[in-house]
Protein backbone atom coordinates (compact mmCIF):
# COMPACT_ATOMS: atom_id res chain seq x y z
CA UNK A 1 -82.47 -95.09 358.05
CA UNK A 2 -79.37 -92.90 357.51
CA UNK A 3 -77.98 -95.13 354.71
CA UNK A 4 -81.11 -94.86 352.74
CA UNK A 5 -80.72 -91.06 352.35
CA UNK A 6 -77.12 -91.05 351.04
CA UNK A 7 -77.59 -93.04 347.89
CA UNK A 8 -79.86 -90.77 345.82
CA UNK A 9 -77.71 -87.69 346.55
CA UNK A 10 -74.59 -89.30 345.16
CA UNK A 11 -76.37 -90.37 342.02
CA UNK A 12 -77.54 -86.86 341.45
CA UNK A 13 -74.01 -85.45 341.70
CA UNK A 14 -72.50 -88.01 339.31
CA UNK A 15 -75.19 -87.43 336.68
CA UNK A 16 -74.66 -83.68 336.49
CA UNK A 17 -70.80 -83.67 336.25
CA UNK A 18 -69.95 -84.35 332.54
CA UNK A 19 -67.87 -81.29 331.37
CA UNK A 20 -66.12 -83.13 328.47
CA UNK A 21 -69.27 -84.27 326.61
CA UNK A 22 -71.24 -82.15 323.94
CA UNK A 23 -74.44 -83.19 322.34
CA UNK A 24 -75.39 -81.78 318.78
CA UNK A 25 -78.65 -82.13 316.83
CA UNK A 26 -78.28 -83.84 313.44
CA UNK A 27 -78.24 -81.46 310.35
CA UNK A 28 -80.65 -82.04 307.39
CA UNK A 29 -79.20 -81.15 303.86
CA UNK A 30 -81.60 -80.17 300.90
CA UNK A 31 -80.24 -80.26 297.28
CA UNK A 32 -81.94 -78.11 294.44
CA UNK A 33 -81.68 -78.33 290.59
CA UNK A 34 -81.07 -75.02 288.48
CA UNK A 35 -83.61 -74.79 285.52
CA UNK A 36 -82.42 -74.24 281.93
CA UNK A 37 -82.88 -70.53 280.71
CA UNK A 38 -85.86 -69.95 278.37
CA UNK A 39 -84.93 -68.89 274.79
CA UNK A 40 -85.20 -65.06 274.16
CA UNK A 41 -87.63 -64.06 271.32
CA UNK A 42 -86.17 -61.20 269.20
CA UNK A 43 -88.68 -58.85 267.56
CA UNK A 44 -88.31 -56.03 265.04
CA UNK A 45 -90.47 -53.11 263.98
CA UNK A 46 -91.56 -52.65 260.38
CA UNK A 47 -92.61 -49.07 259.57
CA UNK A 48 -94.52 -48.49 256.33
CA UNK A 49 -95.48 -45.02 254.97
CA UNK A 50 -96.78 -43.65 251.69
CA UNK A 51 -96.05 -40.47 249.79
CA UNK A 52 -98.86 -38.32 248.42
CA UNK A 53 -100.95 -40.15 245.86
CA UNK A 54 -101.51 -43.56 247.38
CA UNK A 55 -101.77 -45.87 250.38
CA UNK A 56 -100.00 -48.95 251.80
CA UNK A 57 -100.74 -51.89 254.05
CA UNK A 58 -99.84 -51.48 257.72
CA UNK A 59 -96.51 -52.35 259.29
CA UNK A 60 -96.10 -53.56 262.87
CA UNK A 61 -93.87 -55.56 265.23
CA UNK A 62 -92.82 -59.07 264.14
CA UNK A 63 -90.52 -61.91 265.28
CA UNK A 64 -87.06 -62.17 263.85
CA UNK A 65 -87.13 -63.95 260.51
CA UNK A 66 -90.82 -63.29 259.80
CA UNK A 67 -91.74 -62.74 256.18
CA UNK A 68 -94.16 -59.81 255.77
CA UNK A 69 -95.90 -58.86 252.52
CA UNK A 70 -96.68 -55.18 251.97
CA UNK A 71 -98.66 -53.69 249.11
CA UNK A 72 -98.80 -50.16 247.65
CA UNK A 73 -102.02 -48.93 246.06
CA UNK A 74 -102.04 -45.70 243.99
CA UNK A 75 -104.94 -43.25 244.08
CA UNK A 76 -106.84 -42.35 240.93
CA UNK A 77 -104.66 -40.25 238.68
CA UNK A 78 -101.43 -41.50 240.30
CA UNK A 79 -99.03 -44.35 239.58
CA UNK A 80 -96.67 -46.32 241.83
CA UNK A 81 -92.99 -45.75 241.02
CA UNK A 82 -91.10 -47.71 243.69
CA UNK A 83 -90.03 -48.02 247.30
CA UNK A 84 -87.71 -45.86 249.29
CA UNK A 85 -85.00 -48.20 250.69
CA UNK A 86 -85.64 -50.83 248.01
CA UNK A 87 -84.76 -51.23 244.35
CA UNK A 88 -88.00 -53.11 243.70
CA UNK A 89 -90.60 -51.45 241.47
CA UNK A 90 -93.27 -54.02 242.26
CA UNK A 91 -96.34 -52.80 244.11
CA UNK A 92 -96.04 -55.91 246.32
CA UNK A 93 -92.89 -56.38 248.40
CA UNK A 94 -91.92 -59.38 250.60
CA UNK A 95 -89.70 -58.44 253.51
CA UNK A 96 -87.78 -60.81 255.83
CA UNK A 97 -87.27 -59.07 259.12
CA UNK A 98 -83.78 -59.29 260.64
CA UNK A 99 -83.70 -55.71 261.95
CA UNK A 100 -85.95 -52.68 262.32
CA UNK A 101 -86.90 -51.54 258.83
CA UNK A 102 -88.66 -48.60 257.23
CA UNK A 103 -90.14 -48.43 253.73
CA UNK A 104 -91.97 -45.64 251.95
CA UNK A 105 -94.15 -46.27 248.92
CA UNK A 106 -93.54 -43.63 246.25
CA UNK A 107 -96.22 -42.33 243.87
CA UNK A 108 -96.35 -39.76 241.11
CA UNK A 109 -99.06 -38.18 239.00
CA UNK A 110 -99.84 -39.95 235.76
CA UNK A 111 -98.75 -37.58 232.97
CA UNK A 112 -100.56 -37.27 229.69
CA UNK A 113 -100.31 -34.89 226.78
CA UNK A 114 -103.03 -32.61 225.54
CA UNK A 115 -102.51 -31.41 222.01
CA UNK A 116 -104.43 -28.31 221.01
CA UNK A 117 -105.09 -27.80 217.31
CA UNK A 118 -106.75 -24.86 215.60
CA UNK A 119 -109.01 -25.38 212.61
CA UNK A 120 -109.46 -22.97 209.74
CA UNK A 121 -110.93 -19.61 210.65
CA UNK A 122 -109.14 -18.98 213.92
CA UNK A 123 -106.22 -19.60 216.22
CA UNK A 124 -105.53 -20.70 219.79
CA UNK A 125 -103.72 -18.93 222.58
CA UNK A 126 -102.21 -20.95 225.43
CA UNK A 127 -100.93 -19.28 228.58
CA UNK A 128 -99.25 -21.11 231.46
CA UNK A 129 -96.24 -23.29 232.17
CA UNK A 130 -94.65 -26.31 230.45
CA UNK A 131 -95.95 -25.29 227.06
CA UNK A 132 -94.30 -26.55 223.87
CA UNK A 133 -94.96 -25.60 220.26
CA UNK A 134 -97.82 -28.03 219.78
CA UNK A 135 -99.49 -28.45 223.10
CA UNK A 136 -98.86 -28.80 226.77
CA UNK A 137 -98.15 -31.75 229.02
CA UNK A 138 -100.60 -31.81 231.88
CA UNK A 139 -101.42 -34.22 234.66
CA UNK A 140 -104.81 -35.70 235.43
CA UNK A 141 -105.29 -34.06 238.80
CA UNK A 142 -106.83 -30.88 240.06
CA UNK A 143 -103.60 -29.89 241.83
CA UNK A 144 -101.55 -29.28 238.70
CA UNK A 145 -100.21 -26.20 236.99
CA UNK A 146 -102.87 -23.79 235.85
CA UNK A 147 -103.14 -22.97 232.16
CA UNK A 148 -105.77 -21.38 229.97
CA UNK A 149 -106.46 -22.16 226.33
CA UNK A 150 -108.49 -19.69 224.31
CA UNK A 151 -109.96 -20.15 220.86
CA UNK A 152 -109.80 -16.88 218.91
CA UNK A 153 -111.88 -16.61 215.73
CA UNK A 154 -110.69 -14.60 212.79
CA UNK A 155 -112.77 -11.76 211.40
CA UNK A 156 -115.85 -13.24 209.77
CA UNK A 157 -115.76 -16.45 211.80
CA UNK A 158 -117.14 -17.56 215.15
CA UNK A 159 -115.93 -20.29 217.47
CA UNK A 160 -118.04 -23.47 217.15
CA UNK A 161 -116.54 -25.60 219.93
CA UNK A 162 -113.75 -27.94 220.99
CA UNK A 163 -113.82 -31.52 219.74
CA UNK A 164 -111.62 -34.16 221.37
CA UNK A 165 -110.24 -37.37 219.88
CA UNK A 166 -112.44 -39.28 222.34
CA UNK A 167 -115.61 -37.59 221.14
CA UNK A 168 -116.02 -35.05 223.94
CA UNK A 169 -117.17 -31.56 222.98
CA UNK A 170 -116.82 -28.28 224.84
CA UNK A 171 -118.59 -25.06 223.96
CA UNK A 172 -116.54 -22.65 226.08
CA UNK A 173 -114.21 -20.54 224.01
CA UNK A 174 -111.71 -20.44 226.88
CA UNK A 175 -110.77 -23.61 228.76
CA UNK A 176 -109.30 -23.20 232.22
CA UNK A 177 -107.17 -26.05 233.50
CA UNK A 178 -107.05 -27.82 235.90
CA UNK A 179 -110.83 -27.40 236.27
CA UNK A 180 -111.51 -29.00 232.88
CA UNK A 181 -109.59 -32.20 233.73
CA UNK A 182 -112.75 -33.71 235.13
CA UNK A 183 -114.44 -33.42 231.73
CA UNK A 184 -111.69 -35.17 229.77
CA UNK A 185 -112.86 -38.72 229.22
CA UNK A 186 -109.41 -40.31 228.88
CA UNK A 187 -106.24 -41.10 230.77
CA UNK A 188 -104.19 -41.20 227.58
CA UNK A 189 -102.98 -38.58 225.15
CA UNK A 190 -105.75 -36.18 224.15
CA UNK A 191 -106.24 -33.95 221.15
CA UNK A 192 -108.57 -30.97 221.34
CA UNK A 193 -109.44 -29.34 218.04
CA UNK A 194 -110.80 -25.79 218.02
CA UNK A 195 -113.52 -25.59 215.38
CA UNK A 196 -114.56 -22.35 213.70
CA UNK A 197 -117.37 -21.62 211.24
CA UNK A 198 -118.28 -18.62 209.16
CA UNK A 199 -120.15 -16.08 211.21
CA UNK A 200 -123.73 -15.28 210.31
CA UNK A 201 -124.55 -11.67 209.51
CA UNK A 202 -124.04 -9.48 212.58
CA UNK A 203 -126.83 -6.91 212.82
CA UNK A 204 -124.84 -4.76 215.24
CA UNK A 205 -121.80 -4.74 212.97
CA UNK A 206 -124.02 -3.83 210.04
CA UNK A 207 -125.38 -0.72 211.74
CA UNK A 208 -124.51 2.36 209.75
CA UNK A 209 -122.73 4.46 212.36
CA UNK A 210 -122.55 7.38 209.96
CA UNK A 211 -126.23 7.94 210.62
CA UNK A 212 -125.92 7.70 214.40
CA UNK A 213 -125.21 10.36 216.96
CA UNK A 214 -122.54 9.52 219.49
CA UNK A 215 -119.65 10.75 221.54
CA UNK A 216 -115.95 10.02 221.51
CA UNK A 217 -113.86 9.99 224.67
CA UNK A 218 -110.52 11.65 225.23
CA UNK A 219 -108.67 8.40 224.55
CA UNK A 220 -110.72 7.41 221.51
CA UNK A 221 -113.49 5.25 223.00
CA UNK A 222 -116.76 5.69 221.09
CA UNK A 223 -120.39 5.48 222.13
CA UNK A 224 -123.11 5.30 219.47
CA UNK A 225 -126.69 6.30 220.32
CA UNK A 226 -129.63 4.16 219.21
CA UNK A 227 -132.51 6.03 220.83
CA UNK A 228 -136.15 5.23 220.26
CA UNK A 229 -138.44 8.11 219.39
CA UNK A 230 -140.89 6.79 222.01
CA UNK A 231 -138.74 8.49 224.66
CA UNK A 232 -139.64 12.04 225.72
CA UNK A 233 -137.53 14.66 224.02
CA UNK A 234 -136.53 16.19 227.38
CA UNK A 235 -135.13 12.82 228.44
CA UNK A 236 -133.19 12.50 225.17
CA UNK A 237 -131.71 15.97 225.64
CA UNK A 238 -130.81 15.25 229.26
CA UNK A 239 -129.28 11.92 228.23
CA UNK A 240 -126.90 13.71 225.88
CA UNK A 241 -125.95 16.23 228.57
CA UNK A 242 -125.25 13.43 231.07
CA UNK A 243 -123.15 11.51 228.54
CA UNK A 244 -121.16 14.68 227.88
CA UNK A 245 -120.54 15.22 231.58
CA UNK A 246 -119.51 11.63 232.16
CA UNK A 247 -117.29 11.53 229.09
CA UNK A 248 -115.39 14.60 230.24
CA UNK A 249 -114.78 13.24 233.75
CA UNK A 250 -114.37 9.46 233.50
CA UNK A 251 -112.16 8.43 230.61
CA UNK A 252 -112.75 4.92 229.26
CA UNK A 253 -109.67 3.21 227.90
CA UNK A 254 -110.12 1.59 224.49
CA UNK A 255 -108.73 -1.93 224.21
CA UNK A 256 -107.84 -4.15 221.28
CA UNK A 257 -111.01 -5.81 220.04
CA UNK A 258 -111.13 -9.58 219.61
CA UNK A 259 -114.45 -9.56 217.76
CA UNK A 260 -116.63 -6.91 216.13
CA UNK A 261 -118.60 -4.73 218.53
CA UNK A 262 -117.19 -6.53 221.58
CA UNK A 263 -117.22 -3.34 223.67
CA UNK A 264 -113.44 -3.02 223.76
CA UNK A 265 -113.16 0.18 221.74
CA UNK A 266 -116.77 1.18 221.13
CA UNK A 267 -120.25 0.53 222.45
CA UNK A 268 -123.75 0.96 221.09
CA UNK A 269 -126.39 2.28 223.47
CA UNK A 270 -130.00 1.14 222.89
CA UNK A 271 -132.60 3.20 224.79
CA UNK A 272 -136.37 3.07 224.77
CA UNK A 273 -139.46 3.59 226.95
CA UNK A 274 -140.85 0.42 228.53
CA UNK A 275 -144.41 1.40 227.64
CA UNK A 276 -143.74 -0.16 224.23
CA UNK A 277 -142.01 -3.28 223.00
CA UNK A 278 -138.32 -2.89 222.27
CA UNK A 279 -137.81 -1.52 218.76
CA UNK A 280 -134.40 -3.20 218.62
CA UNK A 281 -135.30 -6.90 218.82
CA UNK A 282 -134.01 -7.54 215.30
CA UNK A 283 -130.58 -6.34 216.48
CA UNK A 284 -130.30 -7.41 220.12
CA UNK A 285 -133.05 -9.95 220.55
CA UNK A 286 -135.51 -9.83 223.43
CA UNK A 287 -133.18 -8.29 225.97
CA UNK A 288 -134.48 -5.57 228.26
CA UNK A 289 -133.82 -3.68 231.47
CA UNK A 290 -130.65 -1.74 232.12
CA UNK A 291 -127.25 -3.43 231.73
CA UNK A 292 -124.04 -3.83 229.85
CA UNK A 293 -125.23 -6.88 227.98
CA UNK A 294 -123.95 -9.05 225.19
CA UNK A 295 -124.55 -11.93 222.83
CA UNK A 296 -122.74 -13.49 219.89
CA UNK A 297 -123.10 -10.18 218.07
CA UNK A 298 -121.23 -8.09 220.61
CA UNK A 299 -121.54 -6.07 223.81
CA UNK A 300 -123.83 -3.09 224.23
CA UNK A 301 -125.59 -0.91 226.78
CA UNK A 302 -129.34 -1.26 227.33
CA UNK A 303 -131.42 1.54 228.83
CA UNK A 304 -135.02 0.41 228.96
CA UNK A 305 -136.50 3.24 231.02
CA UNK A 306 -139.51 2.22 233.08
CA UNK A 307 -142.50 4.28 232.02
CA UNK A 308 -143.47 4.85 235.68
CA UNK A 309 -140.29 6.85 236.15
CA UNK A 310 -141.64 9.40 233.69
CA UNK A 311 -145.10 9.36 235.24
CA UNK A 312 -143.79 9.90 238.78
CA UNK A 313 -140.82 12.04 237.79
CA UNK A 314 -138.29 9.67 239.38
CA UNK A 315 -134.64 10.67 239.28
CA UNK A 316 -133.57 7.11 238.49
CA UNK A 317 -134.45 7.69 234.84
CA UNK A 318 -131.29 9.79 234.72
CA UNK A 319 -129.06 8.17 237.33
CA UNK A 320 -129.24 4.82 235.53
CA UNK A 321 -127.25 6.40 232.68
CA UNK A 322 -124.37 7.18 235.03
CA UNK A 323 -124.60 3.70 236.56
CA UNK A 324 -124.27 1.86 233.25
CA UNK A 325 -121.64 4.26 231.90
CA UNK A 326 -119.50 3.49 234.91
CA UNK A 327 -119.79 -0.24 234.21
CA UNK A 328 -118.24 0.43 230.79
CA UNK A 329 -115.34 2.12 232.61
CA UNK A 330 -114.94 -0.78 235.04
CA UNK A 331 -114.90 -3.37 232.28
CA UNK A 332 -112.20 -1.59 230.26
CA UNK A 333 -109.98 -0.19 233.03
CA UNK A 334 -107.71 -3.27 232.86
CA UNK A 335 -106.98 -5.67 230.03
CA UNK A 336 -107.98 -8.39 232.51
CA UNK A 337 -110.75 -7.51 234.94
CA UNK A 338 -110.01 -7.88 238.68
CA UNK A 339 -111.68 -10.77 240.54
CA UNK A 340 -115.41 -10.18 240.80
CA UNK A 341 -116.70 -8.69 244.04
CA UNK A 342 -120.28 -7.54 243.72
CA UNK A 343 -119.98 -4.78 246.29
CA UNK A 344 -117.08 -3.30 244.30
CA UNK A 345 -118.71 -3.77 240.88
CA UNK A 346 -122.39 -2.99 241.55
CA UNK A 347 -121.87 -1.22 244.86
CA UNK A 348 -119.25 0.96 243.18
CA UNK A 349 -121.48 1.80 240.20
CA UNK A 350 -124.48 2.50 242.43
CA UNK A 351 -122.32 4.78 244.60
CA UNK A 352 -121.06 6.52 241.47
CA UNK A 353 -124.60 7.29 240.28
CA UNK A 354 -125.40 8.72 243.72
CA UNK A 355 -122.28 10.90 243.64
CA UNK A 356 -123.30 12.10 240.18
CA UNK A 357 -126.80 13.03 241.37
CA UNK A 358 -125.35 14.72 244.45
CA UNK A 359 -123.01 16.85 242.34
CA UNK A 360 -125.16 17.65 239.31
CA UNK A 361 -128.71 17.55 240.74
CA UNK A 362 -128.14 18.32 244.45
CA UNK A 363 -130.16 15.20 245.19
CA UNK A 364 -129.19 12.75 247.96
CA UNK A 365 -129.87 9.38 246.36
CA UNK A 366 -128.02 7.66 249.20
CA UNK A 367 -130.59 8.58 251.85
CA UNK A 368 -133.61 8.56 249.55
CA UNK A 369 -133.18 5.36 247.56
CA UNK A 370 -130.21 3.42 248.98
CA UNK A 371 -131.11 3.53 252.66
CA UNK A 372 -132.53 0.02 253.03
CA UNK A 373 -129.40 -1.53 254.49
CA UNK A 374 -129.84 -4.75 256.44
CA UNK A 375 -127.84 -6.31 259.27
CA UNK A 376 -126.64 -8.91 256.78
CA UNK A 377 -124.26 -6.26 255.42
CA UNK A 378 -122.49 -5.98 258.78
CA UNK A 379 -122.84 -9.58 259.96
CA UNK A 380 -122.08 -11.41 256.71
CA UNK A 381 -120.49 -9.00 254.21
CA UNK A 382 -118.99 -11.88 252.20
CA UNK A 383 -122.55 -12.74 251.19
CA UNK A 384 -122.43 -9.71 248.89
CA UNK A 385 -119.40 -10.84 246.93
CA UNK A 386 -121.74 -12.46 244.39
CA UNK A 387 -125.30 -12.29 243.12
CA UNK A 388 -126.65 -14.99 245.45
CA UNK A 389 -128.71 -12.42 247.37
CA UNK A 390 -131.50 -11.79 244.90
CA UNK A 391 -134.49 -10.22 246.59
CA UNK A 392 -132.52 -8.93 249.57
CA UNK A 393 -131.06 -5.73 248.11
CA UNK A 394 -133.06 -2.72 247.07
CA UNK A 395 -131.09 -0.45 244.73
CA UNK A 396 -127.93 -2.31 245.82
CA UNK A 397 -128.26 -0.70 249.28
CA UNK A 398 -126.16 -3.32 251.10
CA UNK A 399 -123.46 -3.30 248.44
CA UNK A 400 -123.31 0.50 248.57
CA UNK A 401 -123.02 0.38 252.35
CA UNK A 402 -120.12 -2.12 252.20
CA UNK A 403 -118.43 -0.06 249.46
CA UNK A 404 -118.65 3.14 251.51
CA UNK A 405 -117.48 1.28 254.63
CA UNK A 406 -114.34 0.32 252.71
CA UNK A 407 -113.79 4.00 251.93
CA UNK A 408 -114.17 4.84 255.63
CA UNK A 409 -111.71 2.11 256.64
CA UNK A 410 -109.15 3.46 254.19
CA UNK A 411 -109.59 6.91 255.74
CA UNK A 412 -109.06 5.46 259.21
CA UNK A 413 -105.72 4.10 257.98
CA UNK A 414 -104.49 7.47 256.77
CA UNK A 415 -106.04 8.16 253.35
CA UNK A 416 -107.88 11.37 252.65
CA UNK A 417 -111.41 10.93 251.35
CA UNK A 418 -110.28 11.61 247.79
CA UNK A 419 -107.34 9.20 248.11
CA UNK A 420 -109.67 6.52 249.44
CA UNK A 421 -112.07 6.95 246.51
CA UNK A 422 -109.16 6.85 244.07
CA UNK A 423 -108.18 3.45 245.50
CA UNK A 424 -111.64 1.94 245.10
CA UNK A 425 -112.43 3.60 241.75
CA UNK A 426 -109.08 3.71 239.97
CA UNK A 427 -106.42 1.54 241.62
CA UNK A 428 -108.67 -1.49 242.05
CA UNK A 429 -110.05 -1.46 238.52
CA UNK A 430 -106.64 -0.93 236.95
CA UNK A 431 -105.02 -3.71 238.99
CA UNK A 432 -106.55 -6.69 237.17
CA UNK A 433 -104.25 -9.43 235.92
CA UNK A 434 -104.33 -13.13 235.25
CA UNK A 435 -104.08 -15.77 237.97
CA UNK A 436 -104.55 -13.55 241.01
CA UNK A 437 -107.00 -14.20 243.82
CA UNK A 438 -109.33 -11.62 245.29
CA UNK A 439 -107.55 -12.01 248.63
CA UNK A 440 -104.14 -11.22 247.15
CA UNK A 441 -105.33 -8.28 245.07
CA UNK A 442 -107.42 -6.82 247.89
CA UNK A 443 -104.38 -6.78 250.18
CA UNK A 444 -102.15 -5.27 247.49
CA UNK A 445 -104.52 -2.44 246.60
CA UNK A 446 -106.01 -1.55 249.97
CA UNK A 447 -103.22 -2.50 252.38
CA UNK A 448 -105.23 -4.83 254.62
CA UNK A 449 -106.74 -8.25 254.15
CA UNK A 450 -110.27 -8.85 253.02
CA UNK A 451 -110.89 -10.89 256.19
CA UNK A 452 -109.75 -7.96 258.36
CA UNK A 453 -112.07 -5.70 256.40
CA UNK A 454 -115.03 -7.99 256.98
CA UNK A 455 -114.23 -8.09 260.67
CA UNK A 456 -114.09 -4.30 260.86
CA UNK A 457 -117.53 -3.97 259.22
CA UNK A 458 -118.99 -5.70 262.26
CA UNK A 459 -118.28 -2.60 264.33
CA UNK A 460 -120.55 -0.45 262.15
CA UNK A 461 -124.26 0.08 262.46
CA UNK A 462 -126.18 -0.96 259.33
CA UNK A 463 -127.18 2.62 258.61
CA UNK A 464 -126.22 4.44 255.40
CA UNK A 465 -125.97 7.70 257.37
CA UNK A 466 -122.89 6.38 259.23
CA UNK A 467 -120.82 6.06 256.05
CA UNK A 468 -122.01 8.91 253.83
CA UNK A 469 -119.35 10.70 251.79
CA UNK A 470 -118.90 14.47 251.96
CA UNK A 471 -121.53 16.46 250.11
CA UNK A 472 -118.74 18.62 248.64
CA UNK A 473 -117.03 15.64 246.99
CA UNK A 474 -116.63 16.11 243.22
CA UNK A 475 -116.09 13.38 240.65
CA UNK A 476 -113.43 15.51 238.97
CA UNK A 477 -111.32 15.35 242.15
CA UNK A 478 -111.46 11.55 242.12
CA UNK A 479 -110.82 10.93 238.43
CA UNK A 480 -108.21 13.60 237.76
CA UNK A 481 -105.05 11.90 236.50
């Protein structure tokens, strides 16, 4: 029994005693293959722009070596002249891209010559730039240099029209470019011939002034009276007194006449009562009302006095004389009239007639007949720059309000009342010149912009009483040299 127990113990000892042996697990080795690098695609940017006067096809981003075709297209009135960064003058350019590239298509205005020729019986006057002895080189675009061409008839002739070599005709005696480009039916050289014909008999010129009453101003300007005997004698007498007062205060400057009876150095006045047909139709045609009017025979003053003004004893039958007289002053104050602003032209004349009535008749025409101001005068004063407000004004009330507001704004900026009236009545009307905008001239004369003035009007109430001038104001103080 004892021997049986010894054997398994010895086997156990022998099995566990193996200090010199080491057993390792086998190692697995994995081999990988490195892929070939993909080829790099090189790209370049093509930038295409165009100067003023045309367009081009788009650029973009393209692979190296790509051939790209670009095309330049000129606008109407322009021509293609080449590429910046290329000597090519072809409108189509083929580009092989091997770097970033930029091209600009260049355009210029298509030039053409206009030759102005004067026919017998007159001459032409051209003012502007780039003028030579025969004509002027202009470009067929509205953005070009401004010029004016005037046909001037000789004594005994009248202008009959412009005739072009392409058959176009123009009746305006004065052509303003660039606005007339659009009417020239050609892109080539153009000839415009000023045509003159003998003038028909001029009934105004044939008036025998030796038989007419009239008045001569300090500087030599003449008015001649053609007064119908259907007017009351007291009106005729008052008319002459008013003309004498006005002539002594407001001096009208005579200008060099360009045609007989053109109102530059003299003016005929035709006055009659509206209760009868005009007795002057053979001279002035069927014109009526009150105005400084004109036709091919000249410029003149009309005073058709409404018969109701005699019946109801209305002061306007006298104030209208001052109103129209002042228009004659406005028209002749400068050789070239300032840009038209209705509230300065009509509003100024209507204010003048009220100042005359205030001084000579002690009558407040402002509050009696020019009081119907509307909110449009304060909200949209630019609306009264022109005559597009027919039916809105009564006796030019809104224009008078805006005019007097301008006087008040000048006073706020340091002018006395008389100085302010001198600016609106003298400085403005003597400041006219060619090629000046209303914005520029307004700023020069009044010292602030027209837009600032319109903004300031918004702070006023549309009430004539808020802008009334002093009752002691005298016309002599305003118009004294």
